[in-house]
Structures are given as C-alpha cells and as structure tokens.
Amino acid sequence: MNKSQMKIAGVVALIICAICIFVAIERYQNNANNVRAMNQFTGSSPFAGMLGQMEMKPVTPAATKYALVFALISGIGGVVLLTKGNNKNTLPQNFEQPVNR
C-alpha cells in the first residue's frame, strides 16, 4: 500500500468513525426520548396509582455501545493510517536493502 492509498484509507476510516459517533448519539437520544414519553404517559394516566410510581431512567442501548466500539476501532485505524501515510522516514516501494554477506 503506497502513501496516497494510506492517506485515503485513513480519511475514510475517520469518516466512518464520525458516522458511528453520530449514530451512537442518535440512538441514545431516541432511547432517552422514549423513556421520557413513557414517564409522562404513566404520570398522566388515570391508572397511575395502580401501576405504581415507578420512574424509568434511560440506559445506554446496545446499538450505542456497538457504534462507540466501531468508532473507536475505526478512529484508531484512521489515525494509524494517516500517520503512516505522512511518515517521511519510510522506504520507497522499489527500494532494496543491501544484503550483508
């Protein structure tokens, strides 16, 4: 893989990282909004006394956890690819190292 391909792959990996972060935020906010709506529904229901006064709290959904893991992996990969692509000390593709005999 040459340097320009490494840079392109690094940028793509960082874009995937950003998308995964946005997905994680959206999934968590969706869960929090659903819990808030359910709490409002049970509070305004005429059967609220029979159901009990249990207040639900939002938790982190599995989709959010997986999106964050993939974001971490792709972020690390993107940074590694970009740094290797920008590294000036690497040998060219056609360079042959001398053989000690």
N, C-alpha and C. Protein backbone atom coordinates (compact mmCIF):
# COMPACT_ATOMS: atom_id res chain seq x y z
N MET A 1 0.86 -1.17 0.00
CA MET A 1 0.00 0.00 0.00
C MET A 1 0.91 1.23 0.00
N ASN A 2 0.71 2.11 -0.97
CA ASN A 2 1.56 3.29 -1.00
C ASN A 2 0.98 4.39 -0.11
N LYS A 3 1.72 5.49 -0.03
CA LYS A 3 1.35 6.54 0.93
C LYS A 3 0.01 7.21 0.60
N SER A 4 -0.26 7.43 -0.67
CA SER A 4 -1.52 8.09 -1.02
C SER A 4 -2.71 7.19 -0.69
N GLN A 5 -2.57 5.89 -0.90
CA GLN A 5 -3.64 4.96 -0.54
C GLN A 5 -3.85 4.91 0.96
N MET A 6 -2.76 4.99 1.72
CA MET A 6 -2.87 5.01 3.18
C MET A 6 -3.60 6.26 3.65
N LYS A 7 -3.29 7.39 3.04
CA LYS A 7 -3.96 8.65 3.43
C LYS A 7 -5.45 8.58 3.12
N ILE A 8 -5.80 8.06 1.95
CA ILE A 8 -7.21 7.95 1.57
C ILE A 8 -7.94 7.00 2.51
N ALA A 9 -7.32 5.85 2.80
CA ALA A 9 -7.94 4.88 3.71
C ALA A 9 -8.07 5.47 5.12
N GLY A 10 -7.10 6.26 5.55
CA GLY A 10 -7.18 6.90 6.86
C GLY A 10 -8.31 7.90 6.94
N VAL A 11 -8.50 8.68 5.88
CA VAL A 11 -9.59 9.66 5.86
C VAL A 11 -10.94 8.93 5.86
N VAL A 12 -11.05 7.85 5.07
CA VAL A 12 -12.29 7.08 5.03
C VAL A 12 -12.58 6.48 6.41
N ALA A 13 -11.56 5.96 7.07
CA ALA A 13 -11.76 5.38 8.41
C ALA A 13 -12.21 6.45 9.40
N LEU A 14 -11.68 7.65 9.30
CA LEU A 14 -12.10 8.72 10.21
C LEU A 14 -13.53 9.19 9.90
N ILE A 15 -13.92 9.15 8.64
CA ILE A 15 -15.31 9.48 8.29
C ILE A 15 -16.26 8.43 8.86
N ILE A 16 -15.87 7.16 8.77
CA ILE A 16 -16.67 6.09 9.36
C ILE A 16 -16.76 6.27 10.87
N CYS A 17 -15.67 6.69 11.49
CA CYS A 17 -15.66 6.96 12.93
C CYS A 17 -16.68 8.04 13.28
N ALA A 18 -16.69 9.12 12.50
CA ALA A 18 -17.63 10.22 12.77
C ALA A 18 -19.07 9.75 12.58
N ILE A 19 -19.34 8.96 11.56
CA ILE A 19 -20.69 8.44 11.34
C ILE A 19 -21.12 7.57 12.51
N CYS A 20 -20.22 6.71 12.99
CA CYS A 20 -20.56 5.85 14.13
C CYS A 20 -20.86 6.67 15.39
N ILE A 21 -20.13 7.75 15.58
CA ILE A 21 -20.39 8.61 16.74
C ILE A 21 -21.76 9.26 16.63
N PHE A 22 -22.11 9.74 15.43
CA PHE A 22 -23.44 10.34 15.24
C PHE A 22 -24.55 9.31 15.44
N VAL A 23 -24.33 8.08 14.99
CA VAL A 23 -25.32 7.03 15.19
C VAL A 23 -25.49 6.73 16.68
N ALA A 24 -24.38 6.68 17.41
CA ALA A 24 -24.45 6.41 18.84
C ALA A 24 -25.23 7.50 19.57
N ILE A 25 -24.96 8.75 19.22
CA ILE A 25 -25.67 9.86 19.86
C ILE A 25 -27.16 9.80 19.54
N GLU A 26 -27.48 9.54 18.28
CA GLU A 26 -28.88 9.49 17.87
C GLU A 26 -29.63 8.35 18.56
N ARG A 27 -29.01 7.19 18.67
CA ARG A 27 -29.65 6.04 19.32
C ARG A 27 -29.89 6.33 20.81
N TYR A 28 -28.92 6.95 21.47
CA TYR A 28 -29.10 7.26 22.89
C TYR A 28 -30.20 8.29 23.08
N GLN A 29 -30.21 9.33 22.24
CA GLN A 29 -31.25 10.37 22.35
C GLN A 29 -32.63 9.80 22.08
N ASN A 30 -32.72 8.89 21.12
CA ASN A 30 -34.00 8.25 20.82
C ASN A 30 -34.50 7.45 22.03
N ASN A 31 -33.60 6.72 22.67
CA ASN A 31 -33.96 5.95 23.86
C ASN A 31 -34.39 6.88 25.00
N ALA A 32 -33.65 7.96 25.20
CA ALA A 32 -33.98 8.90 26.27
C ALA A 32 -35.34 9.56 26.02
N ASN A 33 -35.63 9.90 24.76
CA ASN A 33 -36.93 10.50 24.44
C ASN A 33 -38.07 9.50 24.65
N ASN A 34 -37.84 8.23 24.31
CA ASN A 34 -38.87 7.22 24.53
C ASN A 34 -39.14 7.01 26.02
N VAL A 35 -38.10 7.00 26.83
CA VAL A 35 -38.28 6.84 28.28
C VAL A 35 -39.00 8.05 28.85
N ARG A 36 -38.65 9.25 28.40
CA ARG A 36 -39.31 10.46 28.87
C ARG A 36 -40.80 10.44 28.50
N ALA A 37 -41.12 10.01 27.28
CA ALA A 37 -42.51 9.93 26.86
C ALA A 37 -43.28 8.89 27.68
N MET A 38 -42.65 7.77 27.98
CA MET A 38 -43.31 6.74 28.78
C MET A 38 -43.55 7.23 30.20
N ASN A 39 -42.59 7.97 30.77
CA ASN A 39 -42.79 8.52 32.11
C ASN A 39 -43.93 9.54 32.13
N GLN A 40 -44.02 10.35 31.09
CA GLN A 40 -45.12 11.31 31.02
C GLN A 40 -46.46 10.61 30.84
N PHE A 41 -46.46 9.54 30.08
CA PHE A 41 -47.69 8.79 29.85
C PHE A 41 -48.19 8.13 31.13
N THR A 42 -47.27 7.51 31.87
CA THR A 42 -47.70 6.85 33.11
C THR A 42 -48.10 7.87 34.16
N GLY A 43 -47.51 9.06 34.13
CA GLY A 43 -47.88 10.10 35.10
C GLY A 43 -49.25 10.69 34.81
N SER A 44 -49.64 10.74 33.54
CA SER A 44 -50.92 11.35 33.19
C SER A 44 -52.04 10.32 33.05
N SER A 45 -51.72 9.05 33.21
CA SER A 45 -52.72 8.00 33.06
C SER A 45 -53.63 7.96 34.28
N PRO A 46 -54.93 7.67 34.07
CA PRO A 46 -55.82 7.55 35.23
C PRO A 46 -55.50 6.31 36.07
N PHE A 47 -54.76 5.38 35.51
CA PHE A 47 -54.40 4.16 36.23
C PHE A 47 -53.01 4.26 36.85
N ALA A 48 -52.49 5.47 37.00
CA ALA A 48 -51.14 5.66 37.51
C ALA A 48 -50.98 5.12 38.92
N GLY A 49 -52.02 5.22 39.73
CA GLY A 49 -51.94 4.70 41.09
C GLY A 49 -51.83 3.19 41.13
N MET A 50 -52.52 2.52 40.21
CA MET A 50 -52.46 1.06 40.17
C MET A 50 -51.13 0.57 39.60
N LEU A 51 -50.54 1.34 38.69
CA LEU A 51 -49.28 0.92 38.08
C LEU A 51 -48.09 1.19 39.00
N GLY A 52 -48.27 2.04 39.96
CA GLY A 52 -47.17 2.39 40.85
C GLY A 52 -46.47 3.64 40.37
N GLN A 53 -45.69 4.24 41.22
CA GLN A 53 -44.97 5.46 40.88
C GLN A 53 -43.52 5.14 40.55
N MET A 54 -43.35 4.27 39.59
CA MET A 54 -42.00 3.87 39.20
C MET A 54 -41.50 4.79 38.08
N GLU A 55 -40.43 5.47 38.33
CA GLU A 55 -39.84 6.38 37.35
C GLU A 55 -38.73 5.63 36.60
N MET A 56 -38.88 5.51 35.29
CA MET A 56 -37.87 4.82 34.49
C MET A 56 -36.75 5.80 34.16
N LYS A 57 -35.54 5.26 34.03
CA LYS A 57 -34.38 6.07 33.68
C LYS A 57 -33.77 5.50 32.40
N PRO A 58 -33.31 6.38 31.50
CA PRO A 58 -32.71 5.87 30.26
C PRO A 58 -31.36 5.21 30.52
N VAL A 59 -31.11 4.14 29.81
CA VAL A 59 -29.82 3.45 29.87
C VAL A 59 -29.21 3.48 28.47
N THR A 60 -27.97 3.09 28.38
CA THR A 60 -27.30 3.07 27.09
C THR A 60 -27.73 1.83 26.31
N PRO A 61 -28.35 2.00 25.14
CA PRO A 61 -28.77 0.85 24.35
C PRO A 61 -27.57 0.10 23.76
N ALA A 62 -27.79 -1.13 23.37
CA ALA A 62 -26.71 -1.94 22.79
C ALA A 62 -26.21 -1.34 21.49
N ALA A 63 -27.10 -0.76 20.68
CA ALA A 63 -26.68 -0.14 19.42
C ALA A 63 -25.70 0.99 19.67
N THR A 64 -25.89 1.73 20.75
CA THR A 64 -24.98 2.82 21.09
C THR A 64 -23.61 2.27 21.48
N LYS A 65 -23.61 1.20 22.26
CA LYS A 65 -22.34 0.60 22.68
C LYS A 65 -21.56 0.06 21.49
N TYR A 66 -22.25 -0.63 20.59
CA TYR A 66 -21.57 -1.17 19.41
C TYR A 66 -21.07 -0.06 18.50
N ALA A 67 -21.85 1.00 18.33
CA ALA A 67 -21.43 2.12 17.49
C ALA A 67 -20.19 2.79 18.08
N LEU A 68 -20.13 2.90 19.40
CA LEU A 68 -18.95 3.50 20.03
C LEU A 68 -17.72 2.62 19.88
N VAL A 69 -17.91 1.30 19.96
CA VAL A 69 -16.77 0.38 19.77
C VAL A 69 -16.25 0.48 18.35
N PHE A 70 -17.15 0.48 17.37
CA PHE A 70 -16.72 0.61 15.98
C PHE A 70 -16.09 1.97 15.72
N ALA A 71 -16.59 3.01 16.36
CA ALA A 71 -16.00 4.34 16.22
C ALA A 71 -14.57 4.35 16.77
N LEU A 72 -14.38 3.70 17.89
CA LEU A 72 -13.04 3.64 18.49
C LEU A 72 -12.08 2.87 17.58
N ILE A 73 -12.51 1.73 17.08
CA ILE A 73 -11.65 0.93 16.21
C ILE A 73 -11.32 1.67 14.92
N SER A 74 -12.33 2.24 14.27
CA SER A 74 -12.06 2.95 13.02
C SER A 74 -11.27 4.23 13.26
N GLY A 75 -11.47 4.88 14.39
CA GLY A 75 -10.69 6.08 14.71
C GLY A 75 -9.22 5.76 14.90
N ILE A 76 -8.94 4.69 15.62
CA ILE A 76 -7.54 4.29 15.83
C ILE A 76 -6.92 3.89 14.49
N GLY A 77 -7.66 3.13 13.70
CA GLY A 77 -7.14 2.73 12.39
C GLY A 77 -6.89 3.92 11.48
N GLY A 78 -7.80 4.89 11.50
CA GLY A 78 -7.62 6.08 10.67
C GLY A 78 -6.40 6.89 11.07
N VAL A 79 -6.19 7.03 12.37
CA VAL A 79 -5.02 7.79 12.84
C VAL A 79 -3.73 7.06 12.47
N VAL A 80 -3.72 5.74 12.63
CA VAL A 80 -2.52 4.97 12.29
C VAL A 80 -2.23 5.08 10.80
N LEU A 81 -3.26 4.94 9.97
CA LEU A 81 -3.05 5.04 8.53
C LEU A 81 -2.58 6.43 8.10
N LEU A 82 -3.16 7.46 8.69
CA LEU A 82 -2.73 8.81 8.34
C LEU A 82 -1.29 9.08 8.77
N THR A 83 -0.91 8.62 9.94
CA THR A 83 0.47 8.86 10.40
C THR A 83 1.46 8.05 9.57
N LYS A 84 1.09 6.81 9.20
CA LYS A 84 1.99 6.02 8.34
C LYS A 84 2.05 6.61 6.94
N GLY A 85 0.95 7.16 6.47
CA GLY A 85 0.94 7.79 5.15
C GLY A 85 1.74 9.08 5.09
N ASN A 86 1.85 9.77 6.21
CA ASN A 86 2.60 11.03 6.27
C ASN A 86 4.04 10.85 6.73
N ASN A 87 4.41 9.63 7.10
CA ASN A 87 5.74 9.37 7.62
C ASN A 87 6.78 9.54 6.51
N LYS A 88 7.76 10.39 6.70
CA LYS A 88 8.80 10.67 5.70
C LYS A 88 9.95 9.68 5.77
N ASN A 89 10.05 8.90 6.84
CA ASN A 89 11.19 8.01 7.04
C ASN A 89 10.98 6.62 6.47
N THR A 90 9.86 6.36 5.85
CA THR A 90 9.63 5.03 5.31
C THR A 90 10.38 4.87 4.00
N LEU A 91 10.74 3.64 3.68
CA LEU A 91 11.47 3.35 2.46
C LEU A 91 10.52 3.33 1.28
N PRO A 92 10.98 3.72 0.10
CA PRO A 92 10.12 3.63 -1.07
C PRO A 92 9.78 2.18 -1.40
N GLN A 93 8.76 1.98 -2.22
CA GLN A 93 8.32 0.63 -2.56
C GLN A 93 9.41 -0.16 -3.29
N ASN A 94 10.17 0.47 -4.17
CA ASN A 94 11.14 -0.24 -5.00
C ASN A 94 12.52 -0.32 -4.37
N PHE A 95 12.69 0.19 -3.19
CA PHE A 95 14.00 0.24 -2.55
C PHE A 95 14.37 -1.13 -2.02
N GLU A 96 15.58 -1.58 -2.39
CA GLU A 96 16.07 -2.86 -1.89
C GLU A 96 17.17 -2.59 -0.86
N GLN A 97 17.03 -3.24 0.27
CA GLN A 97 18.05 -3.06 1.29
C GLN A 97 19.26 -3.90 0.94
N PRO A 98 20.46 -3.39 1.24
CA PRO A 98 21.68 -4.15 0.93
C PRO A 98 21.76 -5.42 1.76
N VAL A 99 22.28 -6.42 1.16
CA VAL A 99 22.42 -7.73 1.83
C VAL A 99 23.84 -7.83 2.36
N ASN A 100 23.99 -8.14 3.63
CA ASN A 100 25.30 -8.32 4.24
C ASN A 100 25.76 -9.76 3.99
N ARG A 101 26.90 -9.88 3.31
CA ARG A 101 27.43 -11.22 3.03
C ARG A 101 28.75 -11.40 3.64
